N, C-alpha and C. Protein backbone atom coordinates (compact mmCIF):
# COMPACT_ATOMS: atom_id res chain seq x y z
N MET A 1 61.75 107.51 187.93
CA MET A 1 61.63 107.06 186.52
C MET A 1 62.38 105.84 186.46
N PHE A 2 62.69 105.15 187.51
CA PHE A 2 63.84 103.70 187.63
C PHE A 2 62.24 102.82 188.04
N GLU A 3 61.44 103.18 188.57
CA GLU A 3 60.09 102.49 189.00
C GLU A 3 59.38 101.79 187.74
N LYS A 4 59.02 100.55 188.15
CA LYS A 4 57.74 100.16 186.87
C LYS A 4 56.81 100.99 187.12
N ASN A 5 55.95 101.02 188.42
CA ASN A 5 54.61 101.48 188.10
C ASN A 5 54.41 103.06 188.59
N SER A 6 55.50 103.98 188.67
CA SER A 6 55.32 105.48 189.04
C SER A 6 54.53 105.89 187.18
N LYS A 7 53.97 107.16 187.67
CA LYS A 7 53.10 108.03 187.01
C LYS A 7 54.32 108.84 185.86
N LYS A 8 55.10 107.81 184.62
CA LYS A 8 56.43 108.59 184.73
C LYS A 8 55.95 109.94 183.92
N ILE A 9 54.60 109.72 182.79
CA ILE A 9 54.44 111.07 181.90
C ILE A 9 53.67 112.05 182.84
N ASN A 10 52.87 111.70 183.72
CA ASN A 10 52.09 113.02 184.36
C ASN A 10 53.79 113.51 185.36
N TRP A 11 54.69 112.75 185.99
CA TRP A 11 55.89 113.61 186.57
C TRP A 11 56.74 114.46 186.23
N THR A 12 56.99 113.84 184.20
CA THR A 12 57.77 114.19 183.66
C THR A 12 57.03 115.77 183.04
N LEU A 13 55.43 116.23 182.93
CA LEU A 13 55.02 116.78 182.53
C LEU A 13 55.08 117.79 182.98
N LEU A 14 54.44 117.29 184.49
CA LEU A 14 55.07 118.62 185.46
C LEU A 14 56.11 119.07 185.96
N VAL A 15 56.93 118.07 185.54
CA VAL A 15 58.86 118.78 186.38
C VAL A 15 59.10 120.12 184.76
N PHE A 16 58.52 119.77 183.49
CA PHE A 16 58.66 120.13 182.24
C PHE A 16 57.84 121.74 182.35
N ALA A 17 56.54 121.25 182.96
CA ALA A 17 55.75 122.73 182.98
C ALA A 17 56.35 123.27 183.96
N GLY A 18 57.12 123.14 184.90
CA GLY A 18 57.49 124.01 186.28
C GLY A 18 58.51 124.55 185.61
N TRP A 19 59.62 124.03 185.18
CA TRP A 19 60.93 124.80 184.79
C TRP A 19 60.39 125.96 183.78
N LEU A 20 59.20 125.53 182.91
CA LEU A 20 58.96 126.75 181.83
C LEU A 20 58.12 127.69 182.60
N LEU A 21 57.33 127.21 183.35
CA LEU A 21 56.70 128.49 184.36
C LEU A 21 57.72 129.39 185.06
N VAL A 22 58.62 129.13 185.68
CA VAL A 22 59.66 129.54 186.12
C VAL A 22 60.73 130.37 185.28
N ALA A 23 60.80 129.61 184.05
CA ALA A 23 61.62 130.71 183.47
C ALA A 23 61.00 131.47 182.78
N PHE A 24 59.85 131.51 182.57
CA PHE A 24 59.08 132.66 181.84
C PHE A 24 58.60 133.33 182.92
N LEU A 25 58.27 133.19 184.21
CA LEU A 25 57.76 134.01 184.77
C LEU A 25 58.89 134.97 185.39
N SER A 26 60.11 133.95 185.49
CA SER A 26 61.47 135.08 185.65
C SER A 26 61.58 136.29 185.34
N GLN A 27 61.11 136.10 183.49
CA GLN A 27 61.14 136.90 182.42
C GLN A 27 60.09 138.25 182.74
N LEU A 28 59.03 137.92 183.22
CA LEU A 28 58.14 138.54 183.59
C LEU A 28 57.96 139.35 184.54
N ILE A 29 58.10 139.24 185.72
CA ILE A 29 58.22 139.83 186.88
C ILE A 29 59.63 140.49 187.62
N ASN A 30 59.43 141.38 187.85
CA ASN A 30 60.76 142.22 188.01
C ASN A 30 61.41 142.17 189.67
N VAL A 31 61.64 141.45 189.50
CA VAL A 31 62.02 141.15 190.93
C VAL A 31 63.84 142.12 191.20
N ASN A 32 64.47 141.38 190.64
CA ASN A 32 65.91 141.76 190.62
C ASN A 32 66.74 141.73 189.03
N ASN A 33 66.62 142.75 188.59
CA ASN A 33 67.25 142.29 186.86
C ASN A 33 68.65 142.25 186.89
N SER A 34 69.31 142.13 187.80
CA SER A 34 70.99 142.43 187.57
C SER A 34 71.03 141.59 186.68
N THR A 35 72.55 141.56 185.75
CA THR A 35 72.90 140.67 184.91
C THR A 35 74.19 139.92 185.56
N ILE A 36 73.57 139.00 185.20
CA ILE A 36 74.80 137.98 185.86
C ILE A 36 75.41 137.25 184.65
N ILE A 37 76.68 137.55 184.63
CA ILE A 37 77.30 136.52 183.50
C ILE A 37 78.59 135.56 184.03
N THR A 38 77.69 134.25 183.15
CA THR A 38 78.81 133.02 183.87
C THR A 38 79.48 132.04 182.70
N ILE A 39 80.56 132.23 182.82
CA ILE A 39 81.41 131.10 181.73
C ILE A 39 81.52 129.61 182.01
N ARG A 40 81.79 129.29 181.79
CA ARG A 40 82.19 127.81 181.64
C ARG A 40 82.80 127.29 180.66
N HIS A 41 83.94 126.70 181.51
CA HIS A 41 85.16 126.47 180.31
C HIS A 41 85.09 124.27 180.56
N MET A 42 84.43 124.38 179.61
CA MET A 42 83.97 122.67 179.42
C MET A 42 84.71 121.90 177.93
N GLY A 43 84.92 122.57 177.10
CA GLY A 43 85.18 122.27 175.54
C GLY A 43 86.32 121.42 176.20
N ASP A 44 87.30 121.72 176.80
CA ASP A 44 88.19 120.80 176.65
C ASP A 44 88.12 119.54 177.99
N LEU A 45 86.69 119.88 178.46
CA LEU A 45 86.73 118.34 178.73
C LEU A 45 85.56 117.17 178.35
N ARG A 46 85.43 117.58 177.01
CA ARG A 46 84.23 116.87 176.54
C ARG A 46 84.37 115.33 176.38
N PHE A 47 86.08 115.51 175.84
CA PHE A 47 86.12 113.80 175.42
C PHE A 47 86.64 113.23 177.17
N LEU A 48 86.70 113.67 178.67
CA LEU A 48 86.58 113.33 179.14
C LEU A 48 84.88 112.86 179.90
N ARG A 49 84.23 114.03 179.21
CA ARG A 49 82.90 113.59 179.46
C ARG A 49 82.37 112.33 178.84
N ILE A 50 82.53 112.53 177.52
CA ILE A 50 82.20 111.43 176.73
C ILE A 50 82.69 109.94 177.49
N ILE A 51 83.87 109.88 177.68
CA ILE A 51 84.19 108.49 178.13
C ILE A 51 83.34 108.18 179.59
N LEU A 52 83.22 109.06 180.41
CA LEU A 52 82.26 108.68 181.35
C LEU A 52 80.65 107.83 181.46
N VAL A 53 80.09 109.12 180.37
CA VAL A 53 78.88 108.01 179.50
C VAL A 53 79.30 106.69 178.91
N LEU A 54 80.22 106.52 177.91
CA LEU A 54 80.80 105.22 177.64
C LEU A 54 81.02 104.44 179.13
N ILE A 55 82.06 104.54 180.19
CA ILE A 55 81.38 103.82 181.03
C ILE A 55 80.46 103.41 181.28
N GLY A 56 79.98 104.58 182.07
CA GLY A 56 78.49 104.26 182.72
C GLY A 56 77.92 103.24 182.25
N TYR A 57 77.37 103.16 181.19
CA TYR A 57 76.28 102.68 180.07
C TYR A 57 76.86 101.21 179.92
N GLY A 58 78.58 101.31 179.49
CA GLY A 58 79.53 99.93 179.55
C GLY A 58 79.26 98.81 180.79
N LEU A 59 79.19 99.81 181.45
CA LEU A 59 78.94 99.02 183.31
C LEU A 59 77.51 98.17 183.06
N LEU A 60 76.31 98.94 182.58
CA LEU A 60 74.79 98.40 181.78
C LEU A 60 75.77 97.16 181.54
N PHE A 61 75.76 96.90 180.55
CA PHE A 61 76.17 95.82 179.54
C PHE A 61 77.35 94.90 180.08
N LEU A 62 78.04 95.32 181.11
CA LEU A 62 78.80 94.28 181.81
C LEU A 62 78.25 93.56 183.04
N PHE A 63 76.63 94.37 183.58
CA PHE A 63 75.83 93.77 184.41
C PHE A 63 74.60 93.04 183.55
N LYS A 64 74.91 92.85 182.20
CA LYS A 64 73.92 92.32 181.45
C LYS A 64 72.56 92.62 181.58
N TYR A 65 72.31 94.37 181.85
CA TYR A 65 70.90 95.00 181.10
C TYR A 65 71.05 94.63 179.60
N ASP A 66 69.32 94.32 179.51
CA ASP A 66 69.21 94.12 178.25
C ASP A 66 68.99 95.69 177.77
N TRP A 67 68.75 95.88 175.86
CA TRP A 67 68.86 97.06 175.31
C TRP A 67 68.09 98.06 175.49
N LYS A 68 66.71 97.57 175.99
CA LYS A 68 64.94 98.06 176.02
C LYS A 68 65.64 98.84 177.55
N LYS A 69 65.87 98.20 178.68
CA LYS A 69 66.49 99.05 179.39
C LYS A 69 67.94 99.73 179.43
N ILE A 70 68.68 99.64 178.85
CA ILE A 70 69.75 101.09 178.44
C ILE A 70 69.29 101.86 177.79
N SER A 71 68.12 101.36 176.90
CA SER A 71 67.61 102.52 175.78
C SER A 71 67.01 103.53 176.56
N TYR A 72 66.08 102.79 177.31
CA TYR A 72 65.13 103.28 178.09
C TYR A 72 66.19 104.81 179.01
N LEU A 73 67.27 104.07 179.56
CA LEU A 73 68.09 104.86 180.82
C LEU A 73 68.28 105.73 180.08
N PHE A 74 68.89 105.61 178.45
CA PHE A 74 69.72 106.53 177.91
C PHE A 74 68.78 107.88 177.36
N PHE A 75 67.15 107.57 177.33
CA PHE A 75 65.95 108.51 176.99
C PHE A 75 65.67 109.12 177.97
N VAL A 76 65.94 108.54 179.35
CA VAL A 76 65.90 108.78 180.20
C VAL A 76 66.57 110.00 180.81
N GLY A 77 68.02 109.56 180.53
CA GLY A 77 68.68 111.30 181.12
C GLY A 77 68.69 111.86 179.62
N PHE A 78 68.71 111.83 178.76
CA PHE A 78 68.42 113.19 177.49
C PHE A 78 67.24 113.89 177.69
N LEU A 79 66.45 113.48 177.86
CA LEU A 79 65.13 113.82 178.36
C LEU A 79 65.37 114.74 179.58
N VAL A 80 65.49 114.39 180.73
CA VAL A 80 65.50 115.28 181.82
C VAL A 80 66.49 116.34 181.32
N HIS A 81 67.62 116.24 181.17
CA HIS A 81 68.45 117.49 180.26
C HIS A 81 68.35 118.29 179.67
N PHE A 82 67.59 117.44 178.17
CA PHE A 82 66.68 118.58 177.31
C PHE A 82 65.55 119.65 177.89
N MET A 83 64.82 118.43 178.90
CA MET A 83 63.71 119.83 179.45
C MET A 83 64.25 121.37 179.51
N MET A 84 64.78 120.29 180.91
CA MET A 84 65.74 121.72 181.57
C MET A 84 66.78 122.58 180.47
N GLU A 85 67.64 122.60 179.69
CA GLU A 85 67.96 123.46 179.14
C GLU A 85 67.01 123.89 177.75
N PHE A 86 66.33 123.40 177.79
CA PHE A 86 65.22 123.53 176.31
C PHE A 86 64.64 124.90 177.31
N SER A 87 64.10 124.86 178.43
CA SER A 87 63.37 125.55 179.15
C SER A 87 64.49 126.88 179.52
N LEU A 88 65.08 127.13 179.92
CA LEU A 88 66.14 128.01 179.58
C LEU A 88 66.20 128.55 178.31
N PHE A 89 66.73 127.70 177.48
CA PHE A 89 67.09 128.72 175.96
C PHE A 89 65.44 128.93 175.49
N ILE A 90 64.71 128.66 175.65
CA ILE A 90 63.23 128.79 174.79
C ILE A 90 63.03 130.48 175.30
N SER A 91 63.18 130.58 176.70
CA SER A 91 63.05 131.78 177.35
C SER A 91 63.52 133.22 177.42
N GLY A 92 64.96 132.69 176.69
CA GLY A 92 65.82 133.56 176.50
C GLY A 92 67.24 133.52 177.54
N ILE A 93 66.73 132.64 178.81
CA ILE A 93 67.75 133.16 179.70
C ILE A 93 69.22 132.44 179.68
N ARG A 94 69.33 131.24 178.92
CA ARG A 94 70.54 130.70 178.00
C ARG A 94 70.55 130.95 177.08
N PRO A 95 71.35 131.46 176.31
CA PRO A 95 71.43 131.84 174.84
C PRO A 95 72.35 130.76 174.56
N GLY A 96 72.36 130.43 173.48
CA GLY A 96 72.84 129.23 172.88
C GLY A 96 72.40 128.79 171.32
N SER A 97 72.79 127.38 170.82
CA SER A 97 71.90 127.09 169.53
C SER A 97 71.90 125.75 170.33
N PHE A 98 70.98 125.15 169.26
CA PHE A 98 69.78 124.19 168.91
C PHE A 98 71.47 122.90 169.09
N PRO A 99 72.17 122.97 167.98
CA PRO A 99 73.05 121.98 168.66
C PRO A 99 73.75 122.24 170.05
N ILE A 100 74.03 122.93 170.34
CA ILE A 100 74.50 122.99 171.41
C ILE A 100 73.29 122.42 172.70
N LEU A 101 72.33 122.21 172.26
CA LEU A 101 71.23 122.00 173.41
C LEU A 101 71.46 120.36 172.95
N LEU A 102 71.63 120.13 171.98
CA LEU A 102 71.54 118.37 171.58
C LEU A 102 72.07 117.91 172.60
N GLU A 103 73.69 118.04 172.14
CA GLU A 103 75.16 117.73 172.72
C GLU A 103 75.23 117.40 174.13
N ASN A 104 74.76 119.30 174.95
CA ASN A 104 74.68 119.15 176.10
C ASN A 104 73.49 117.90 176.29
N SER A 105 72.59 117.58 176.12
CA SER A 105 71.53 116.96 176.72
C SER A 105 71.41 115.40 176.37
N LEU A 106 72.63 114.97 175.29
CA LEU A 106 73.04 113.72 174.82
C LEU A 106 73.99 113.14 175.89
N ILE A 107 75.18 114.30 176.49
CA ILE A 107 76.04 113.87 177.58
C ILE A 107 76.08 114.18 178.69
N GLU A 108 75.78 115.62 179.19
CA GLU A 108 75.58 115.74 180.94
C GLU A 108 75.08 115.31 181.52
N PHE A 109 73.79 115.07 181.29
CA PHE A 109 72.73 114.02 182.42
C PHE A 109 73.00 112.61 182.46
N ASN A 110 73.60 112.18 181.24
CA ASN A 110 73.89 110.89 180.61
C ASN A 110 75.43 109.76 181.66
N MET A 111 76.02 111.38 182.12
CA MET A 111 77.16 110.94 182.63
C MET A 111 76.79 110.05 184.14
N GLY A 112 75.63 110.22 184.59
CA GLY A 112 75.49 110.01 185.91
C GLY A 112 74.41 109.13 185.89
N VAL A 113 73.11 108.66 184.62
CA VAL A 113 72.52 108.33 184.83
C VAL A 113 72.64 106.87 185.06
N PRO A 114 73.70 105.77 184.65
CA PRO A 114 73.64 104.75 184.58
C PRO A 114 74.17 104.38 185.71
N PHE A 115 74.98 105.18 186.54
CA PHE A 115 75.50 105.07 187.82
C PHE A 115 74.37 105.05 188.70
N PHE A 116 73.27 105.62 188.93
CA PHE A 116 72.42 106.08 189.57
C PHE A 116 71.48 104.87 189.49
N TYR A 117 71.63 104.03 188.16
CA TYR A 117 70.43 103.44 188.10
C TYR A 117 71.25 102.26 188.81
N LEU A 118 72.35 101.96 188.69
CA LEU A 118 73.03 100.51 189.01
C LEU A 118 72.69 101.08 190.66
N PHE A 119 73.33 101.98 191.09
CA PHE A 119 73.19 102.22 192.97
C PHE A 119 71.67 102.02 193.47
N TYR A 120 70.75 102.14 192.35
CA TYR A 120 69.16 102.19 193.02
C TYR A 120 68.65 100.62 192.74
N ASP A 121 69.46 99.86 191.60
CA ASP A 121 68.95 98.63 191.62
C ASP A 121 69.73 97.68 192.03
N LYS A 122 70.87 98.26 192.54
CA LYS A 122 71.84 96.54 193.33
C LYS A 122 71.22 97.07 194.73
N PHE A 123 70.95 97.85 195.19
CA PHE A 123 71.25 98.59 196.57
C PHE A 123 70.05 99.40 196.87
N LEU A 124 69.21 100.39 196.19
CA LEU A 124 68.51 101.39 197.07
C LEU A 124 67.43 100.28 197.15
N LYS A 125 66.73 99.52 195.77
CA LYS A 125 65.67 99.16 195.96
C LYS A 125 65.22 97.44 196.82
N LYS A 126 66.43 97.12 196.98
CA LYS A 126 66.59 96.32 198.06
C LYS A 126 66.25 96.84 199.63
N LYS A 127 66.55 97.85 199.90
CA LYS A 127 66.04 98.85 200.76
C LYS A 127 65.02 99.17 201.16
N LEU A 128 64.48 99.55 199.87
CA LEU A 128 62.97 100.02 199.81
C LEU A 128 61.81 98.92 199.93
N LYS A 129 62.19 97.31 199.29
CA LYS A 129 61.21 96.50 200.07
C LYS A 129 60.93 96.14 201.31
N LEU A 130 62.15 96.79 201.98
CA LEU A 130 61.60 96.38 203.92
C LEU A 130 60.88 97.06 204.22
């Protein structure tokens, strides 16, 4: 998603279709129907997660990336997480609500996207051109 000449829409559709396929197939195929209960205690970390998002995108502003690039990166972070969570939500694997899905999509993946992009742009991209 960081490279200009990649086939972003094709790869995005492939990943999303794959997540949906696996989610729905897991509901249809009886391999092991044991119930697993997971608990996440992340409510008290919401403030820290928001701070990490602000620091990451603040670094992009400090390195003088333009608004279009920063908005695009935020959208990519939102879209990737939304597709993953939506496939779990719509298939009934992870119960929840749409507001929680939206909140998690805005915050969780975007905690890392600016840092990954900075690493890609400042170090990895130069190594790949060799």
